[in-house]
Amino acid sequence: MPDRSETLKKLDLIRIIAAVDVVMLVVLLYFSISDSDSGVSILGPIHGFVVLVLLYLTAVGVTEKRWSWIFPVTTLIPIFALFYDAKLRREVQAA
């Protein structure tokens, strides 16, 4: 069983990155709706990179058996990653 404090540290990092990702997605959607091609061309790749970082971090947690494979899937919709993070956090603290 993985160390509880280390799992919580990893979840803290994932929570911060997921929150940044949600904010970036909202701003990206605003730029897209307002036809700001320069904003989309700058923020789009950055947002994509952040999503890949989230996928990587959650996949590493799966290989370390810290959580199930569903967590990387939830990162594809950033707000769901925050909800699943809260669920995992409760489970880890209860263990």
C-alpha atoms as a PDB file:
ATOM      1  CA  MET A   1       0.000   0.000   0.000  1.00  0.00           C
ATOM      2  CA  PRO A   2       1.431   3.405  -0.969  1.00  0.00           C
ATOM      3  CA  ASP A   3       2.331   5.913   1.718  1.00  0.00           C
ATOM      4  CA  ARG A   4      -0.677   8.066   2.665  1.00  0.00           C
ATOM      5  CA  SER A   5       1.238  11.336   3.053  1.00  0.00           C
ATOM      6  CA  GLU A   6       2.950  10.878  -0.320  1.00  0.00           C
ATOM      7  CA  THR A   7      -0.408  10.142  -1.955  1.00  0.00           C
ATOM      8  CA  LEU A   8      -1.873  13.324  -0.456  1.00  0.00           C
ATOM      9  CA  LYS A   9       1.112  15.335  -1.759  1.00  0.00           C
ATOM     10  CA  LYS A  10       0.548  13.952  -5.240  1.00  0.00           C
ATOM     11  CA  LEU A  11      -3.156  14.747  -4.983  1.00  0.00           C
ATOM     12  CA  ASP A  12      -2.299  18.316  -3.911  1.00  0.00           C
ATOM     13  CA  LEU A  13      -0.182  18.783  -7.031  1.00  0.00           C
ATOM     14  CA  ILE A  14      -2.882  17.286  -9.244  1.00  0.00           C
ATOM     15  CA  ARG A  15      -5.535  19.506  -7.633  1.00  0.00           C
ATOM     16  CA  ILE A  16      -3.516  22.662  -8.316  1.00  0.00           C
ATOM     17  CA  ILE A  17      -2.818  21.717 -11.911  1.00  0.00           C
ATOM     18  CA  ALA A  18      -6.454  20.706 -12.493  1.00  0.00           C
ATOM     19  CA  ALA A  19      -7.685  24.026 -11.082  1.00  0.00           C
ATOM     20  CA  VAL A  20      -5.307  25.918 -13.378  1.00  0.00           C
ATOM     21  CA  ASP A  21      -6.543  23.770 -16.250  1.00  0.00           C
ATOM     22  CA  VAL A  22     -10.183  24.631 -15.522  1.00  0.00           C
ATOM     23  CA  VAL A  23      -9.389  28.350 -15.482  1.00  0.00           C
ATOM     24  CA  MET A  24      -7.392  28.052 -18.700  1.00  0.00           C
ATOM     25  CA  LEU A  25     -10.245  26.167 -20.349  1.00  0.00           C
ATOM     26  CA  VAL A  26     -12.738  28.896 -19.436  1.00  0.00           C
ATOM     27  CA  VAL A  27     -10.417  31.596 -20.803  1.00  0.00           C
ATOM     28  CA  LEU A  28      -9.778  29.516 -23.926  1.00  0.00           C
ATOM     29  CA  LEU A  29     -13.516  29.108 -24.487  1.00  0.00           C
ATOM     30  CA  TYR A  30     -13.959  32.871 -24.066  1.00  0.00           C
ATOM     31  CA  PHE A  31     -11.259  33.539 -26.670  1.00  0.00           C
ATOM     32  CA  SER A  32     -12.866  31.015 -28.983  1.00  0.00           C
ATOM     33  CA  ILE A  33     -16.321  32.553 -28.671  1.00  0.00           C
ATOM     34  CA  SER A  34     -14.974  36.087 -29.127  1.00  0.00           C
ATOM     35  CA  ASP A  35     -13.052  35.045 -32.274  1.00  0.00           C
ATOM     36  CA  SER A  36      -9.684  35.942 -30.787  1.00  0.00           C
ATOM     37  CA  ASP A  37      -7.417  33.840 -32.966  1.00  0.00           C
ATOM     38  CA  SER A  38      -4.279  35.125 -31.288  1.00  0.00           C
ATOM     39  CA  GLY A  39      -5.579  34.202 -27.832  1.00  0.00           C
ATOM     40  CA  VAL A  40      -6.584  30.735 -28.978  1.00  0.00           C
ATOM     41  CA  SER A  41      -3.282  30.152 -30.767  1.00  0.00           C
ATOM     42  CA  ILE A  42      -1.334  31.094 -27.634  1.00  0.00           C
ATOM     43  CA  LEU A  43      -3.479  29.512 -24.926  1.00  0.00           C
ATOM     44  CA  GLY A  44      -4.534  26.400 -26.866  1.00  0.00           C
ATOM     45  CA  PRO A  45      -1.155  24.654 -26.895  1.00  0.00           C
ATOM     46  CA  ILE A  46      -0.486  25.641 -23.280  1.00  0.00           C
ATOM     47  CA  HIS A  47      -3.820  24.156 -22.240  1.00  0.00           C
ATOM     48  CA  GLY A  48      -3.044  21.000 -24.224  1.00  0.00           C
ATOM     49  CA  PHE A  49       0.303  20.654 -22.467  1.00  0.00           C
ATOM     50  CA  VAL A  50      -1.347  21.048 -19.051  1.00  0.00           C
ATOM     51  CA  VAL A  51      -3.861  18.315 -19.928  1.00  0.00           C
ATOM     52  CA  LEU A  52      -1.010  16.001 -20.918  1.00  0.00           C
ATOM     53  CA  VAL A  53       0.778  16.734 -17.628  1.00  0.00           C
ATOM     54  CA  LEU A  54      -2.418  15.855 -15.732  1.00  0.00           C
ATOM     55  CA  LEU A  55      -2.805  12.632 -17.685  1.00  0.00           C
ATOM     56  CA  TYR A  56       0.815  11.724 -16.976  1.00  0.00           C
ATOM     57  CA  LEU A  57       0.589  12.435 -13.240  1.00  0.00           C
ATOM     58  CA  THR A  58      -2.619  10.466 -12.833  1.00  0.00           C
ATOM     59  CA  ALA A  59      -1.274   7.578 -14.938  1.00  0.00           C
ATOM     60  CA  VAL A  60       1.834   7.422 -12.748  1.00  0.00           C
ATOM     61  CA  GLY A  61      -0.466   7.154  -9.728  1.00  0.00           C
ATOM     62  CA  VAL A  62      -2.226   4.218 -11.372  1.00  0.00           C
ATOM     63  CA  THR A  63       1.062   2.412 -11.988  1.00  0.00           C
ATOM     64  CA  GLU A  64       2.050   3.052  -8.358  1.00  0.00           C
ATOM     65  CA  LYS A  65      -1.363   1.628  -7.306  1.00  0.00           C
ATOM     66  CA  ARG A  66      -2.363   4.863  -5.550  1.00  0.00           C
ATOM     67  CA  TRP A  67      -5.759   5.027  -7.305  1.00  0.00           C
ATOM     68  CA  SER A  68      -7.730   3.308 -10.049  1.00  0.00           C
ATOM     69  CA  TRP A  69      -7.503   3.812 -13.799  1.00  0.00           C
ATOM     70  CA  ILE A  70     -10.660   5.951 -13.753  1.00  0.00           C
ATOM     71  CA  PHE A  71      -8.713   8.965 -12.434  1.00  0.00           C
ATOM     72  CA  PRO A  72      -6.760   9.526 -15.693  1.00  0.00           C
ATOM     73  CA  VAL A  73     -10.043   9.254 -17.583  1.00  0.00           C
ATOM     74  CA  THR A  74     -11.604  11.967 -15.423  1.00  0.00           C
ATOM     75  CA  THR A  75      -8.770  14.354 -16.278  1.00  0.00           C
ATOM     76  CA  LEU A  76     -10.077  14.565 -19.823  1.00  0.00           C
ATOM     77  CA  ILE A  77     -12.859  16.760 -18.395  1.00  0.00           C
ATOM     78  CA  PRO A  78     -10.994  19.001 -15.945  1.00  0.00           C
ATOM     79  CA  ILE A  79     -13.855  19.725 -13.562  1.00  0.00           C
ATOM     80  CA  PHE A  80     -14.415  15.977 -13.088  1.00  0.00           C
ATOM     81  CA  ALA A  81     -10.766  15.614 -12.076  1.00  0.00           C
ATOM     82  CA  LEU A  82     -11.406  18.027  -9.216  1.00  0.00           C
ATOM     83  CA  PHE A  83     -14.473  16.061  -8.083  1.00  0.00           C
ATOM     84  CA  TYR A  84     -12.658  12.727  -8.276  1.00  0.00           C
ATOM     85  CA  ASP A  85      -9.692  14.246  -6.439  1.00  0.00           C
ATOM     86  CA  ALA A  86     -12.003  15.145  -3.555  1.00  0.00           C
ATOM     87  CA  LYS A  87     -13.377  11.590  -3.495  1.00  0.00           C
ATOM     88  CA  LEU A  88      -9.880  10.090  -3.475  1.00  0.00           C
ATOM     89  CA  ARG A  89      -8.771  12.503  -0.767  1.00  0.00           C
ATOM     90  CA  ARG A  90     -11.629  11.369   1.499  1.00  0.00           C
ATOM     91  CA  GLU A  91     -10.766   7.710   0.866  1.00  0.00           C
ATOM     92  CA  VAL A  92      -7.059   8.225   1.619  1.00  0.00           C
ATOM     93  CA  GLN A  93      -7.745  10.168   4.802  1.00  0.00           C
ATOM     94  CA  ALA A  94     -10.232   7.545   5.994  1.00  0.00           C
ATOM     95  CA  ALA A  95      -7.728   4.710   5.458  1.00  0.00           C
END
